[in-house]
Amino acid sequence: MHFKNERIISHHFPTNWLLKSLDLNTCDFWICGYLQHVVFSGMIANVAELKTRIAQHIHNINKDTLRSVVEHDISWFELAAEKRWTAY
């Protein structure tokens, strides 16, 4: 498998993430971190099992959790707009 660098979401990615960035990816960071934690909590035998685990854990995220994440992000975006933060 080949993954292009521009699609990687990682704390260890060689490109620094701007602390005040208004990029609308915070939900992506949360969901990727959460899935990485739960999917890789045990050994994975093959790609089929990996795909199954990812699908299962996505399905198991409850609506209240997603709602909370979205509400937090909305609050953060409102604060950022109020402060007129910039990425530069």
PDB file of N, CA and C in Angstrom:
ATOM      1  N   MET A   1       0.831  -1.181   0.000  1.00  0.00           N
ATOM      2  CA  MET A   1       0.000   0.000   0.000  1.00  0.00           C
ATOM      3  C   MET A   1       0.874   1.241   0.000  1.00  0.00           C
ATOM      4  N   HIS A   2       0.405   2.274  -0.654  1.00  0.00           N
ATOM      5  CA  HIS A   2       1.143   3.527  -0.683  1.00  0.00           C
ATOM      6  C   HIS A   2       0.234   4.637  -0.180  1.00  0.00           C
ATOM      7  N   PHE A   3       0.726   5.377   0.788  1.00  0.00           N
ATOM      8  CA  PHE A   3      -0.025   6.509   1.320  1.00  0.00           C
ATOM      9  C   PHE A   3       0.735   7.779   0.978  1.00  0.00           C
ATOM     10  N   LYS A   4       0.040   8.730   0.417  1.00  0.00           N
ATOM     11  CA  LYS A   4       0.678  10.002   0.098  1.00  0.00           C
ATOM     12  C   LYS A   4       0.763  10.840   1.368  1.00  0.00           C
ATOM     13  N   ASN A   5       1.855  11.544   1.543  1.00  0.00           N
ATOM     14  CA  ASN A   5       2.085  12.321   2.760  1.00  0.00           C
ATOM     15  C   ASN A   5       1.009  13.360   3.025  1.00  0.00           C
ATOM     16  N   GLU A   6       0.426  13.933   1.994  1.00  0.00           N
ATOM     17  CA  GLU A   6      -0.535  15.003   2.226  1.00  0.00           C
ATOM     18  C   GLU A   6      -1.840  14.507   2.854  1.00  0.00           C
ATOM     19  N   ARG A   7      -2.040  13.212   2.952  1.00  0.00           N
ATOM     20  CA  ARG A   7      -3.250  12.658   3.555  1.00  0.00           C
ATOM     21  C   ARG A   7      -3.018  12.177   4.986  1.00  0.00           C
ATOM     22  N   ILE A   8      -1.810  12.325   5.488  1.00  0.00           N
ATOM     23  CA  ILE A   8      -1.486  11.819   6.818  1.00  0.00           C
ATOM     24  C   ILE A   8      -1.941  12.808   7.883  1.00  0.00           C
ATOM     25  N   ILE A   9      -2.586  12.293   8.905  1.00  0.00           N
ATOM     26  CA  ILE A   9      -2.943  13.086  10.070  1.00  0.00           C
ATOM     27  C   ILE A   9      -2.167  12.486  11.226  1.00  0.00           C
ATOM     28  N   SER A  10      -1.172  13.216  11.705  1.00  0.00           N
ATOM     29  CA  SER A  10      -0.293  12.645  12.717  1.00  0.00           C
ATOM     30  C   SER A  10       0.422  13.742  13.484  1.00  0.00           C
ATOM     31  N   HIS A  11       0.640  13.498  14.779  1.00  0.00           N
ATOM     32  CA  HIS A  11       1.421  14.436  15.579  1.00  0.00           C
ATOM     33  C   HIS A  11       2.879  14.425  15.153  1.00  0.00           C
ATOM     34  N   HIS A  12       3.334  13.357  14.528  1.00  0.00           N
ATOM     35  CA  HIS A  12       4.733  13.206  14.164  1.00  0.00           C
ATOM     36  C   HIS A  12       4.987  13.479  12.684  1.00  0.00           C
ATOM     37  N   PHE A  13       4.026  14.077  12.003  1.00  0.00           N
ATOM     38  CA  PHE A  13       4.178  14.404  10.591  1.00  0.00           C
ATOM     39  C   PHE A  13       5.238  15.491  10.453  1.00  0.00           C
ATOM     40  N   PRO A  14       6.109  15.427   9.432  1.00  0.00           N
ATOM     41  CA  PRO A  14       7.212  16.383   9.322  1.00  0.00           C
ATOM     42  C   PRO A  14       6.776  17.840   9.147  1.00  0.00           C
ATOM     43  N   THR A  15       5.565  18.093   8.683  1.00  0.00           N
ATOM     44  CA  THR A  15       5.077  19.456   8.543  1.00  0.00           C
ATOM     45  C   THR A  15       4.420  19.874   9.845  1.00  0.00           C
ATOM     46  N   ASN A  16       4.886  20.971  10.430  1.00  0.00           N
ATOM     47  CA  ASN A  16       4.313  21.427  11.693  1.00  0.00           C
ATOM     48  C   ASN A  16       2.893  21.931  11.499  1.00  0.00           C
ATOM     49  N   TRP A  17       2.025  21.574  12.437  1.00  0.00           N
ATOM     50  CA  TRP A  17       0.646  22.052  12.436  1.00  0.00           C
ATOM     51  C   TRP A  17       0.630  23.383  13.155  1.00  0.00           C
ATOM     52  N   LEU A  18       0.066  24.385  12.551  1.00  0.00           N
ATOM     53  CA  LEU A  18       0.017  25.703  13.167  1.00  0.00           C
ATOM     54  C   LEU A  18      -0.962  25.693  14.334  1.00  0.00           C
ATOM     55  N   LEU A  19      -0.515  26.140  15.487  1.00  0.00           N
ATOM     56  CA  LEU A  19      -1.343  26.088  16.682  1.00  0.00           C
ATOM     57  C   LEU A  19      -2.625  26.893  16.547  1.00  0.00           C
ATOM     58  N   LYS A  20      -2.571  27.986  15.801  1.00  0.00           N
ATOM     59  CA  LYS A  20      -3.746  28.834  15.656  1.00  0.00           C
ATOM     60  C   LYS A  20      -4.416  28.640  14.298  1.00  0.00           C
ATOM     61  N   SER A  21      -4.184  27.517  13.685  1.00  0.00           N
ATOM     62  CA  SER A  21      -4.747  27.250  12.373  1.00  0.00           C
ATOM     63  C   SER A  21      -6.262  27.158  12.451  1.00  0.00           C
ATOM     64  N   LEU A  22      -6.924  27.769  11.502  1.00  0.00           N
ATOM     65  CA  LEU A  22      -8.381  27.702  11.436  1.00  0.00           C
ATOM     66  C   LEU A  22      -8.842  26.621  10.473  1.00  0.00           C
ATOM     67  N   ASP A  23      -7.927  25.770  10.079  1.00  0.00           N
ATOM     68  CA  ASP A  23      -8.304  24.666   9.215  1.00  0.00           C
ATOM     69  C   ASP A  23      -9.383  23.854   9.921  1.00  0.00           C
ATOM     70  N   LEU A  24     -10.386  23.440   9.218  1.00  0.00           N
ATOM     71  CA  LEU A  24     -11.543  22.788   9.828  1.00  0.00           C
ATOM     72  C   LEU A  24     -11.362  21.285   9.946  1.00  0.00           C
ATOM     73  N   ASN A  25     -10.229  20.846  10.459  1.00  0.00           N
ATOM     74  CA  ASN A  25      -9.927  19.422  10.541  1.00  0.00           C
ATOM     75  C   ASN A  25      -9.993  18.843  11.941  1.00  0.00           C
ATOM     76  N   THR A  26     -10.416  19.568  12.938  1.00  0.00           N
ATOM     77  CA  THR A  26     -10.314  19.066  14.305  1.00  0.00           C
ATOM     78  C   THR A  26     -11.112  17.790  14.516  1.00  0.00           C
ATOM     79  N   CYS A  27     -12.251  17.649  13.855  1.00  0.00           N
ATOM     80  CA  CYS A  27     -13.009  16.392  13.962  1.00  0.00           C
ATOM     81  C   CYS A  27     -12.210  15.243  13.360  1.00  0.00           C
ATOM     82  N   ASP A  28     -11.525  15.511  12.248  1.00  0.00           N
ATOM     83  CA  ASP A  28     -10.693  14.477  11.632  1.00  0.00           C
ATOM     84  C   ASP A  28      -9.615  14.003  12.592  1.00  0.00           C
ATOM     85  N   PHE A  29      -8.982  14.946  13.284  1.00  0.00           N
ATOM     86  CA  PHE A  29      -7.931  14.566  14.230  1.00  0.00           C
ATOM     87  C   PHE A  29      -8.507  13.726  15.355  1.00  0.00           C
ATOM     88  N   TRP A  30      -9.650  14.106  15.865  1.00  0.00           N
ATOM     89  CA  TRP A  30     -10.252  13.347  16.956  1.00  0.00           C
ATOM     90  C   TRP A  30     -10.608  11.942  16.488  1.00  0.00           C
ATOM     91  N   ILE A  31     -11.299  11.836  15.376  1.00  0.00           N
ATOM     92  CA  ILE A  31     -11.772  10.522  14.934  1.00  0.00           C
ATOM     93  C   ILE A  31     -10.595   9.612  14.593  1.00  0.00           C
ATOM     94  N   CYS A  32      -9.557  10.145  13.973  1.00  0.00           N
ATOM     95  CA  CYS A  32      -8.394   9.308  13.638  1.00  0.00           C
ATOM     96  C   CYS A  32      -7.674   8.838  14.889  1.00  0.00           C
ATOM     97  N   GLY A  33      -7.502   9.720  15.850  1.00  0.00           N
ATOM     98  CA  GLY A  33      -6.844   9.331  17.096  1.00  0.00           C
ATOM     99  C   GLY A  33      -7.644   8.303  17.865  1.00  0.00           C
ATOM    100  N   TYR A  34      -8.949   8.522  17.922  1.00  0.00           N
ATOM    101  CA  TYR A  34      -9.824   7.585  18.621  1.00  0.00           C
ATOM    102  C   TYR A  34      -9.783   6.211  17.948  1.00  0.00           C
ATOM    103  N   LEU A  35      -9.951   6.195  16.634  1.00  0.00           N
ATOM    104  CA  LEU A  35      -9.954   4.918  15.916  1.00  0.00           C
ATOM    105  C   LEU A  35      -8.610   4.207  16.023  1.00  0.00           C
ATOM    106  N   GLN A  36      -7.541   4.957  15.952  1.00  0.00           N
ATOM    107  CA  GLN A  36      -6.224   4.337  16.088  1.00  0.00           C
ATOM    108  C   GLN A  36      -6.109   3.657  17.451  1.00  0.00           C
ATOM    109  N   HIS A  37      -6.595   4.322  18.482  1.00  0.00           N
ATOM    110  CA  HIS A  37      -6.521   3.763  19.833  1.00  0.00           C
ATOM    111  C   HIS A  37      -7.331   2.474  19.955  1.00  0.00           C
ATOM    112  N   VAL A  38      -8.578   2.490  19.495  1.00  0.00           N
ATOM    113  CA  VAL A  38      -9.434   1.315  19.692  1.00  0.00           C
ATOM    114  C   VAL A  38      -9.155   0.204  18.684  1.00  0.00           C
ATOM    115  N   VAL A  39      -8.834   0.554  17.459  1.00  0.00           N
ATOM    116  CA  VAL A  39      -8.599  -0.466  16.430  1.00  0.00           C
ATOM    117  C   VAL A  39      -7.313  -1.236  16.708  1.00  0.00           C
ATOM    118  N   PHE A  40      -6.276  -0.538  17.125  1.00  0.00           N
ATOM    119  CA  PHE A  40      -4.984  -1.181  17.333  1.00  0.00           C
ATOM    120  C   PHE A  40      -4.756  -1.603  18.782  1.00  0.00           C
ATOM    121  N   SER A  41      -5.833  -1.774  19.540  1.00  0.00           N
ATOM    122  CA  SER A  41      -5.692  -2.196  20.938  1.00  0.00           C
ATOM    123  C   SER A  41      -5.272  -3.663  21.051  1.00  0.00           C
ATOM    124  N   GLY A  42      -5.398  -4.402  19.975  1.00  0.00           N
ATOM    125  CA  GLY A  42      -4.980  -5.808  19.950  1.00  0.00           C
ATOM    126  C   GLY A  42      -4.301  -6.115  18.630  1.00  0.00           C
ATOM    127  N   MET A  43      -3.780  -7.305  18.519  1.00  0.00           N
ATOM    128  CA  MET A  43      -3.100  -7.722  17.293  1.00  0.00           C
ATOM    129  C   MET A  43      -4.105  -7.845  16.141  1.00  0.00           C
ATOM    130  N   ILE A  44      -3.647  -7.498  14.949  1.00  0.00           N
ATOM    131  CA  ILE A  44      -4.464  -7.591  13.745  1.00  0.00           C
ATOM    132  C   ILE A  44      -3.778  -8.567  12.800  1.00  0.00           C
ATOM    133  N   ALA A  45      -4.526  -9.567  12.354  1.00  0.00           N
ATOM    134  CA  ALA A  45      -3.942 -10.646  11.552  1.00  0.00           C
ATOM    135  C   ALA A  45      -3.755 -10.276  10.083  1.00  0.00           C
ATOM    136  N   ASN A  46      -4.681  -9.460   9.537  1.00  0.00           N
ATOM    137  CA  ASN A  46      -4.610  -9.169   8.110  1.00  0.00           C
ATOM    138  C   ASN A  46      -5.414  -7.917   7.787  1.00  0.00           C
ATOM    139  N   VAL A  47      -5.375  -7.509   6.532  1.00  0.00           N
ATOM    140  CA  VAL A  47      -6.057  -6.288   6.103  1.00  0.00           C
ATOM    141  C   VAL A  47      -7.570  -6.415   6.264  1.00  0.00           C
ATOM    142  N   ALA A  48      -8.114  -7.586   5.991  1.00  0.00           N
ATOM    143  CA  ALA A  48      -9.562  -7.790   6.133  1.00  0.00           C
ATOM    144  C   ALA A  48     -10.000  -7.546   7.580  1.00  0.00           C
ATOM    145  N   GLU A  49      -9.221  -8.056   8.527  1.00  0.00           N
ATOM    146  CA  GLU A  49      -9.549  -7.839   9.937  1.00  0.00           C
ATOM    147  C   GLU A  49      -9.427  -6.357  10.301  1.00  0.00           C
ATOM    148  N   LEU A  50      -8.426  -5.692   9.770  1.00  0.00           N
ATOM    149  CA  LEU A  50      -8.258  -4.262  10.009  1.00  0.00           C
ATOM    150  C   LEU A  50      -9.481  -3.488   9.525  1.00  0.00           C
ATOM    151  N   LYS A  51      -9.917  -3.767   8.305  1.00  0.00           N
ATOM    152  CA  LYS A  51     -11.096  -3.094   7.752  1.00  0.00           C
ATOM    153  C   LYS A  51     -12.339  -3.377   8.585  1.00  0.00           C
ATOM    154  N   THR A  52     -12.494  -4.615   9.027  1.00  0.00           N
ATOM    155  CA  THR A  52     -13.643  -4.990   9.855  1.00  0.00           C
ATOM    156  C   THR A  52     -13.626  -4.225  11.169  1.00  0.00           C
ATOM    157  N   ARG A  53     -12.475  -4.166  11.810  1.00  0.00           N
ATOM    158  CA  ARG A  53     -12.368  -3.441  13.087  1.00  0.00           C
ATOM    159  C   ARG A  53     -12.681  -1.961  12.915  1.00  0.00           C
ATOM    160  N   ILE A  54     -12.145  -1.362  11.866  1.00  0.00           N
ATOM    161  CA  ILE A  54     -12.414   0.057  11.620  1.00  0.00           C
ATOM    162  C   ILE A  54     -13.911   0.277  11.458  1.00  0.00           C
ATOM    163  N   ALA A  55     -14.555  -0.530  10.627  1.00  0.00           N
ATOM    164  CA  ALA A  55     -16.000  -0.395  10.404  1.00  0.00           C
ATOM    165  C   ALA A  55     -16.781  -0.592  11.700  1.00  0.00           C
ATOM    166  N   GLN A  56     -16.416  -1.590  12.493  1.00  0.00           N
ATOM    167  CA  GLN A  56     -17.114  -1.850  13.755  1.00  0.00           C
ATOM    168  C   GLN A  56     -16.991  -0.669  14.706  1.00  0.00           C
ATOM    169  N   HIS A  57     -15.798  -0.138  14.843  1.00  0.00           N
ATOM    170  CA  HIS A  57     -15.593   0.947  15.798  1.00  0.00           C
ATOM    171  C   HIS A  57     -16.225   2.252  15.327  1.00  0.00           C
ATOM    172  N   ILE A  58     -16.256   2.475  14.032  1.00  0.00           N
ATOM    173  CA  ILE A  58     -16.978   3.648  13.522  1.00  0.00           C
ATOM    174  C   ILE A  58     -18.458   3.501  13.844  1.00  0.00           C
ATOM    175  N   HIS A  59     -18.992   2.322  13.612  1.00  0.00           N
ATOM    176  CA  HIS A  59     -20.407   2.059  13.891  1.00  0.00           C
ATOM    177  C   HIS A  59     -20.732   2.216  15.380  1.00  0.00           C
ATOM    178  N   ASN A  60     -19.767   1.917  16.248  1.00  0.00           N
ATOM    179  CA  ASN A  60     -19.998   1.965  17.692  1.00  0.00           C
ATOM    180  C   ASN A  60     -19.885   3.358  18.307  1.00  0.00           C
ATOM    181  N   ILE A  61     -19.465   4.356  17.536  1.00  0.00           N
ATOM    182  CA  ILE A  61     -19.406   5.719  18.072  1.00  0.00           C
ATOM    183  C   ILE A  61     -20.846   6.201  18.222  1.00  0.00           C
ATOM    184  N   ASN A  62     -21.223   6.565  19.440  1.00  0.00           N
ATOM    185  CA  ASN A  62     -22.623   6.945  19.644  1.00  0.00           C
ATOM    186  C   ASN A  62     -22.875   8.409  19.276  1.00  0.00           C
ATOM    187  N   LYS A  63     -24.131   8.721  19.066  1.00  0.00           N
ATOM    188  CA  LYS A  63     -24.526  10.060  18.622  1.00  0.00           C
ATOM    189  C   LYS A  63     -24.168  11.134  19.636  1.00  0.00           C
ATOM    190  N   ASP A  64     -24.272  10.820  20.920  1.00  0.00           N
ATOM    191  CA  ASP A  64     -23.942  11.810  21.947  1.00  0.00           C
ATOM    192  C   ASP A  64     -22.469  12.203  21.891  1.00  0.00           C
ATOM    193  N   THR A  65     -21.612  11.237  21.647  1.00  0.00           N
ATOM    194  CA  THR A  65     -20.181  11.527  21.535  1.00  0.00           C
ATOM    195  C   THR A  65     -19.917  12.411  20.328  1.00  0.00           C
ATOM    196  N   LEU A  66     -20.493  12.071  19.192  1.00  0.00           N
ATOM    197  CA  LEU A  66     -20.306  12.887  17.991  1.00  0.00           C
ATOM    198  C   LEU A  66     -20.866  14.288  18.185  1.00  0.00           C
ATOM    199  N   ARG A  67     -22.020  14.386  18.806  1.00  0.00           N
ATOM    200  CA  ARG A  67     -22.636  15.688  19.072  1.00  0.00           C
ATOM    201  C   ARG A  67     -21.713  16.532  19.956  1.00  0.00           C
ATOM    202  N   SER A  68     -21.142  15.916  20.976  1.00  0.00           N
ATOM    203  CA  SER A  68     -20.236  16.625  21.876  1.00  0.00           C
ATOM    204  C   SER A  68     -19.006  17.147  21.134  1.00  0.00           C
ATOM    205  N   VAL A  69     -18.452  16.327  20.266  1.00  0.00           N
ATOM    206  CA  VAL A  69     -17.279  16.741  19.488  1.00  0.00           C
ATOM    207  C   VAL A  69     -17.627  17.923  18.592  1.00  0.00           C
ATOM    208  N   VAL A  70     -18.760  17.843  17.920  1.00  0.00           N
ATOM    209  CA  VAL A  70     -19.172  18.925  17.024  1.00  0.00           C
ATOM    210  C   VAL A  70     -19.436  20.203  17.814  1.00  0.00           C
ATOM    211  N   GLU A  71     -20.117  20.099  18.961  1.00  0.00           N
ATOM    212  CA  GLU A  71     -20.387  21.280  19.784  1.00  0.00           C
ATOM    213  C   GLU A  71     -19.088  21.920  20.267  1.00  0.00           C
ATOM    214  N   HIS A  72     -18.127  21.099  20.660  1.00  0.00           N
ATOM    215  CA  HIS A  72     -16.829  21.629  21.086  1.00  0.00           C
ATOM    216  C   HIS A  72     -16.152  22.355  19.933  1.00  0.00           C
ATOM    217  N   ASP A  73     -16.187  21.767  18.752  1.00  0.00           N
ATOM    218  CA  ASP A  73     -15.553  22.394  17.597  1.00  0.00           C
ATOM    219  C   ASP A  73     -16.234  23.705  17.233  1.00  0.00           C
ATOM    220  N   ILE A  74     -17.554  23.735  17.299  1.00  0.00           N
ATOM    221  CA  ILE A  74     -18.278  24.976  17.007  1.00  0.00           C
ATOM    222  C   ILE A  74     -17.850  26.060  17.982  1.00  0.00           C
ATOM    223  N   SER A  75     -17.759  25.720  19.264  1.00  0.00           N
ATOM    224  CA  SER A  75     -17.311  26.694  20.271  1.00  0.00           C
ATOM    225  C   SER A  75     -15.905  27.196  19.952  1.00  0.00           C
ATOM    226  N   TRP A  76     -15.029  26.275  19.550  1.00  0.00           N
ATOM    227  CA  TRP A  76     -13.661  26.660  19.223  1.00  0.00           C
ATOM    228  C   TRP A  76     -13.634  27.593  18.016  1.00  0.00           C
ATOM    229  N   PHE A  77     -14.437  27.291  16.992  1.00  0.00           N
ATOM    230  CA  PHE A  77     -14.467  28.138  15.800  1.00  0.00           C
ATOM    231  C   PHE A  77     -15.034  29.516  16.119  1.00  0.00           C
ATOM    232  N   GLU A  78     -16.049  29.567  16.977  1.00  0.00           N
ATOM    233  CA  GLU A  78     -16.612  30.859  17.379  1.00  0.00           C
ATOM    234  C   GLU A  78     -15.577  31.686  18.133  1.00  0.00           C
ATOM    235  N   LEU A  79     -14.842  31.051  19.032  1.00  0.00           N
ATOM    236  CA  LEU A  79     -13.788  31.747  19.763  1.00  0.00           C
ATOM    237  C   LEU A  79     -12.710  32.237  18.806  1.00  0.00           C
ATOM    238  N   ALA A  80     -12.332  31.395  17.870  1.00  0.00           N
ATOM    239  CA  ALA A  80     -11.315  31.781  16.891  1.00  0.00           C
ATOM    240  C   ALA A  80     -11.789  32.971  16.062  1.00  0.00           C
ATOM    241  N   ALA A  81     -13.052  32.976  15.663  1.00  0.00           N
ATOM    242  CA  ALA A  81     -13.594  34.086  14.877  1.00  0.00           C
ATOM    243  C   ALA A  81     -13.639  35.359  15.722  1.00  0.00           C
ATOM    244  N   GLU A  82     -14.003  35.211  16.985  1.00  0.00           N
ATOM    245  CA  GLU A  82     -14.066  36.351  17.895  1.00  0.00           C
ATOM    246  C   GLU A  82     -12.678  36.966  18.091  1.00  0.00           C
ATOM    247  N   LYS A  83     -11.688  36.119  18.244  1.00  0.00           N
ATOM    248  CA  LYS A  83     -10.312  36.587  18.457  1.00  0.00           C
ATOM    249  C   LYS A  83      -9.637  36.969  17.144  1.00  0.00           C
ATOM    250  N   ARG A  84     -10.273  36.567  16.045  1.00  0.00           N
ATOM    251  CA  ARG A  84      -9.721  36.801  14.705  1.00  0.00           C
ATOM    252  C   ARG A  84      -8.317  36.234  14.581  1.00  0.00           C
ATOM    253  N   TRP A  85      -8.185  35.024  15.084  1.00  0.00           N
ATOM    254  CA  TRP A  85      -6.894  34.339  14.994  1.00  0.00           C
ATOM    255  C   TRP A  85      -6.574  34.067  13.542  1.00  0.00           C
ATOM    256  N   THR A  86      -5.316  34.055  13.249  1.00  0.00           N
ATOM    257  CA  THR A  86      -4.884  33.705  11.901  1.00  0.00           C
ATOM    258  C   THR A  86      -3.865  32.583  11.984  1.00  0.00           C
ATOM    259  N   ALA A  87      -3.682  31.938  10.897  1.00  0.00           N
ATOM    260  CA  ALA A  87      -2.732  30.829  10.843  1.00  0.00           C
ATOM    261  C   ALA A  87      -1.305  31.336  10.639  1.00  0.00           C
ATOM    262  N   TYR A  88      -1.140  32.611  10.411  1.00  0.00           N
ATOM    263  CA  TYR A  88       0.201  33.138  10.107  1.00  0.00           C
ATOM    264  C   TYR A  88       0.614  34.193  11.102  1.00  0.00           C
TER     265      TYR A  88
END
